[in-house]
Amino acid sequence: MRFASFKPASAFTRPARKNRFRRKSIFQSGTNTLGFRRLEIRCDARNERSARIPRALGYVQDALLKNDDVAADDPGQLRDTLVFSRVQ
């Protein structure tokens, strides 16, 4: 199950706050309906706005993966990845 992403500029606007309840219901659907015990969100470590979202939803940072993936803005560079999870 992948977490839906959105533009960072819209992350904390009024519609995005309303969508927070939908994202919480995604967690409830994943755990209650589908039987998942753990959901994970990953984001670029340089993107502070993206990292705020899982924290605001109660996810805990599990790891910082160094040089994990190719940077989207510079394919010649590797980027670090933050891993957040939430366990039922």
N, C-alpha and C. Protein backbone atom coordinates (compact mmCIF):
# COMPACT_ATOMS: atom_id res chain seq x y z
N MET A 1 0.85 -1.17 0.00
CA MET A 1 0.00 0.00 0.00
C MET A 1 0.89 1.23 0.00
N ARG A 2 0.66 2.11 -0.91
CA ARG A 2 1.45 3.34 -1.02
C ARG A 2 0.66 4.51 -0.49
N PHE A 3 1.37 5.45 0.11
CA PHE A 3 0.75 6.68 0.62
C PHE A 3 0.62 7.67 -0.53
N ALA A 4 -0.53 8.28 -0.68
CA ALA A 4 -0.74 9.26 -1.74
C ALA A 4 0.08 10.51 -1.46
N SER A 5 0.74 11.02 -2.47
CA SER A 5 1.53 12.23 -2.30
C SER A 5 0.80 13.42 -2.91
N PHE A 6 1.21 14.61 -2.52
CA PHE A 6 0.62 15.83 -3.06
C PHE A 6 1.65 16.91 -3.05
N LYS A 7 1.36 18.02 -3.72
CA LYS A 7 2.31 19.12 -3.83
C LYS A 7 2.61 19.69 -2.44
N PRO A 8 3.88 19.91 -2.13
CA PRO A 8 4.24 20.44 -0.80
C PRO A 8 3.58 21.77 -0.46
N ALA A 9 3.35 22.63 -1.44
CA ALA A 9 2.74 23.93 -1.16
C ALA A 9 1.32 23.79 -0.63
N SER A 10 0.65 22.71 -0.97
CA SER A 10 -0.73 22.53 -0.53
C SER A 10 -0.84 21.67 0.72
N ALA A 11 0.27 21.31 1.31
CA ALA A 11 0.27 20.33 2.39
C ALA A 11 -0.51 20.78 3.62
N PHE A 12 -0.47 22.06 3.95
CA PHE A 12 -1.09 22.49 5.19
C PHE A 12 -2.19 23.53 4.96
N THR A 13 -2.81 23.48 3.81
CA THR A 13 -3.94 24.37 3.53
C THR A 13 -5.21 23.78 4.13
N ARG A 14 -6.27 24.55 4.13
CA ARG A 14 -7.53 24.07 4.69
C ARG A 14 -8.02 22.77 4.05
N PRO A 15 -8.03 22.65 2.69
CA PRO A 15 -8.46 21.37 2.13
C PRO A 15 -7.58 20.21 2.55
N ALA A 16 -6.28 20.45 2.68
CA ALA A 16 -5.38 19.37 3.09
C ALA A 16 -5.67 18.94 4.53
N ARG A 17 -6.02 19.89 5.40
CA ARG A 17 -6.37 19.53 6.78
C ARG A 17 -7.64 18.69 6.79
N LYS A 18 -8.59 19.01 5.91
CA LYS A 18 -9.79 18.18 5.82
C LYS A 18 -9.44 16.78 5.35
N ASN A 19 -8.47 16.70 4.44
CA ASN A 19 -8.06 15.40 3.92
C ASN A 19 -7.32 14.58 4.97
N ARG A 20 -6.85 15.21 6.03
CA ARG A 20 -6.17 14.48 7.09
C ARG A 20 -7.09 13.40 7.65
N PHE A 21 -8.38 13.70 7.75
CA PHE A 21 -9.32 12.70 8.24
C PHE A 21 -9.43 11.54 7.26
N ARG A 22 -9.34 11.83 5.97
CA ARG A 22 -9.35 10.76 4.97
C ARG A 22 -8.10 9.91 5.10
N ARG A 23 -6.95 10.55 5.34
CA ARG A 23 -5.72 9.78 5.48
C ARG A 23 -5.77 8.92 6.74
N LYS A 24 -6.37 9.44 7.80
CA LYS A 24 -6.54 8.62 9.00
C LYS A 24 -7.43 7.42 8.69
N SER A 25 -8.46 7.64 7.87
CA SER A 25 -9.34 6.53 7.53
C SER A 25 -8.62 5.52 6.64
N ILE A 26 -7.60 5.97 5.86
CA ILE A 26 -6.79 5.03 5.09
C ILE A 26 -6.05 4.10 6.05
N PHE A 27 -5.51 4.66 7.14
CA PHE A 27 -4.84 3.82 8.13
C PHE A 27 -5.82 2.83 8.75
N GLN A 28 -7.01 3.31 9.10
CA GLN A 28 -8.01 2.43 9.70
C GLN A 28 -8.46 1.35 8.72
N SER A 29 -8.62 1.70 7.44
CA SER A 29 -9.00 0.71 6.44
C SER A 29 -7.90 -0.32 6.26
N GLY A 30 -6.65 0.15 6.22
CA GLY A 30 -5.54 -0.77 6.04
C GLY A 30 -5.39 -1.74 7.19
N THR A 31 -5.62 -1.25 8.40
CA THR A 31 -5.45 -2.13 9.56
C THR A 31 -6.70 -2.95 9.85
N ASN A 32 -7.86 -2.33 9.81
CA ASN A 32 -9.08 -3.05 10.18
C ASN A 32 -9.61 -3.93 9.05
N THR A 33 -9.74 -3.39 7.86
CA THR A 33 -10.35 -4.12 6.75
C THR A 33 -9.37 -5.08 6.08
N LEU A 34 -8.18 -4.60 5.77
CA LEU A 34 -7.22 -5.41 5.03
C LEU A 34 -6.31 -6.25 5.93
N GLY A 35 -6.30 -5.96 7.21
CA GLY A 35 -5.53 -6.76 8.14
C GLY A 35 -4.05 -6.40 8.25
N PHE A 36 -3.65 -5.26 7.71
CA PHE A 36 -2.26 -4.84 7.84
C PHE A 36 -2.00 -4.47 9.30
N ARG A 37 -0.83 -4.80 9.78
CA ARG A 37 -0.46 -4.43 11.14
C ARG A 37 0.47 -3.23 11.17
N ARG A 38 1.08 -2.94 10.02
CA ARG A 38 2.05 -1.85 9.95
C ARG A 38 1.92 -1.15 8.61
N LEU A 39 1.84 0.18 8.65
CA LEU A 39 1.83 0.99 7.44
C LEU A 39 3.07 1.87 7.45
N GLU A 40 3.64 2.12 6.27
CA GLU A 40 4.90 2.84 6.16
C GLU A 40 4.77 3.99 5.17
N ILE A 41 5.42 5.10 5.50
CA ILE A 41 5.51 6.27 4.62
C ILE A 41 6.98 6.61 4.47
N ARG A 42 7.40 6.86 3.22
CA ARG A 42 8.78 7.24 2.94
C ARG A 42 8.79 8.60 2.25
N CYS A 43 9.80 9.41 2.57
CA CYS A 43 9.94 10.69 1.89
C CYS A 43 11.41 11.10 1.85
N ASP A 44 11.72 12.03 0.98
CA ASP A 44 13.07 12.57 0.85
C ASP A 44 13.42 13.30 2.15
N ALA A 45 14.58 13.02 2.69
CA ALA A 45 14.99 13.62 3.97
C ALA A 45 15.13 15.13 3.89
N ARG A 46 15.37 15.67 2.69
CA ARG A 46 15.52 17.12 2.53
C ARG A 46 14.18 17.85 2.54
N ASN A 47 13.09 17.13 2.34
CA ASN A 47 11.78 17.75 2.24
C ASN A 47 11.10 17.78 3.61
N GLU A 48 11.31 18.87 4.34
CA GLU A 48 10.79 18.99 5.70
C GLU A 48 9.27 19.01 5.73
N ARG A 49 8.65 19.61 4.74
CA ARG A 49 7.18 19.67 4.72
C ARG A 49 6.57 18.28 4.57
N SER A 50 7.17 17.46 3.74
CA SER A 50 6.67 16.09 3.59
C SER A 50 6.87 15.29 4.86
N ALA A 51 7.94 15.55 5.59
CA ALA A 51 8.20 14.82 6.82
C ALA A 51 7.24 15.22 7.94
N ARG A 52 6.69 16.43 7.87
CA ARG A 52 5.74 16.87 8.90
C ARG A 52 4.42 16.10 8.83
N ILE A 53 4.04 15.67 7.65
CA ILE A 53 2.73 15.03 7.48
C ILE A 53 2.63 13.72 8.27
N PRO A 54 3.55 12.76 8.09
CA PRO A 54 3.42 11.53 8.87
C PRO A 54 3.53 11.78 10.38
N ARG A 55 4.36 12.75 10.77
CA ARG A 55 4.47 13.05 12.21
C ARG A 55 3.14 13.56 12.74
N ALA A 56 2.47 14.42 11.95
CA ALA A 56 1.18 14.96 12.37
C ALA A 56 0.11 13.88 12.44
N LEU A 57 0.28 12.81 11.67
CA LEU A 57 -0.69 11.71 11.66
C LEU A 57 -0.36 10.61 12.66
N GLY A 58 0.68 10.82 13.46
CA GLY A 58 1.01 9.85 14.50
C GLY A 58 1.98 8.77 14.09
N TYR A 59 2.60 8.91 12.94
CA TYR A 59 3.61 7.94 12.53
C TYR A 59 4.92 8.25 13.25
N VAL A 60 5.74 7.24 13.44
CA VAL A 60 7.02 7.37 14.14
C VAL A 60 8.14 7.16 13.13
N GLN A 61 9.19 7.99 13.22
CA GLN A 61 10.33 7.81 12.31
C GLN A 61 11.10 6.58 12.73
N ASP A 62 11.22 5.64 11.80
CA ASP A 62 11.94 4.40 12.06
C ASP A 62 13.38 4.44 11.60
N ALA A 63 13.63 5.13 10.49
CA ALA A 63 14.98 5.05 9.93
C ALA A 63 15.29 6.26 9.06
N LEU A 64 16.57 6.47 8.89
CA LEU A 64 17.10 7.40 7.90
C LEU A 64 18.02 6.56 7.02
N LEU A 65 17.59 6.31 5.79
CA LEU A 65 18.35 5.49 4.87
C LEU A 65 19.29 6.40 4.07
N LYS A 66 20.56 6.27 4.27
CA LYS A 66 21.56 7.11 3.62
C LYS A 66 21.79 6.65 2.18
N ASN A 67 21.87 7.62 1.26
CA ASN A 67 22.12 7.34 -0.16
C ASN A 67 21.20 6.25 -0.69
N ASP A 68 19.93 6.37 -0.37
CA ASP A 68 18.96 5.32 -0.67
C ASP A 68 18.46 5.33 -2.11
N ASP A 69 18.33 6.51 -2.71
CA ASP A 69 17.69 6.60 -4.02
C ASP A 69 18.32 7.75 -4.80
N VAL A 70 18.04 7.79 -6.08
CA VAL A 70 18.53 8.87 -6.93
C VAL A 70 17.66 10.10 -6.70
N ALA A 71 18.28 11.25 -6.54
CA ALA A 71 17.54 12.50 -6.33
C ALA A 71 16.78 12.88 -7.58
N ALA A 72 15.51 13.26 -7.43
CA ALA A 72 14.67 13.62 -8.57
C ALA A 72 15.16 14.91 -9.23
N ASP A 73 15.68 15.83 -8.45
CA ASP A 73 16.11 17.12 -9.01
C ASP A 73 17.53 17.07 -9.58
N ASP A 74 18.31 16.04 -9.25
CA ASP A 74 19.67 15.91 -9.77
C ASP A 74 20.02 14.43 -9.88
N PRO A 75 19.79 13.81 -11.05
CA PRO A 75 20.02 12.37 -11.19
C PRO A 75 21.45 11.92 -10.92
N GLY A 76 22.38 12.86 -10.86
CA GLY A 76 23.76 12.50 -10.56
C GLY A 76 24.04 12.37 -9.07
N GLN A 77 23.06 12.69 -8.23
CA GLN A 77 23.22 12.65 -6.78
C GLN A 77 22.31 11.60 -6.15
N LEU A 78 22.75 11.06 -5.05
CA LEU A 78 21.91 10.16 -4.27
C LEU A 78 21.26 10.94 -3.14
N ARG A 79 20.08 10.51 -2.72
CA ARG A 79 19.36 11.20 -1.66
C ARG A 79 19.15 10.27 -0.48
N ASP A 80 18.91 10.87 0.68
CA ASP A 80 18.57 10.11 1.88
C ASP A 80 17.05 10.00 1.96
N THR A 81 16.57 8.93 2.56
CA THR A 81 15.13 8.69 2.69
C THR A 81 14.77 8.53 4.15
N LEU A 82 13.71 9.22 4.57
CA LEU A 82 13.14 9.02 5.91
C LEU A 82 12.06 7.95 5.82
N VAL A 83 12.04 7.05 6.79
CA VAL A 83 11.02 6.01 6.84
C VAL A 83 10.21 6.20 8.12
N PHE A 84 8.90 6.35 7.94
CA PHE A 84 7.97 6.49 9.07
C PHE A 84 7.05 5.29 9.06
N SER A 85 6.62 4.84 10.23
CA SER A 85 5.65 3.74 10.27
C SER A 85 4.68 3.95 11.42
N ARG A 86 3.59 3.24 11.27
CA ARG A 86 2.58 3.24 12.32
C ARG A 86 2.10 1.81 12.46
N VAL A 87 2.11 1.33 13.68
CA VAL A 87 1.75 -0.06 13.96
C VAL A 87 0.47 -0.08 14.76
N GLN A 88 -0.39 -1.02 14.43
CA GLN A 88 -1.67 -1.14 15.15
C GLN A 88 -1.43 -1.75 16.51
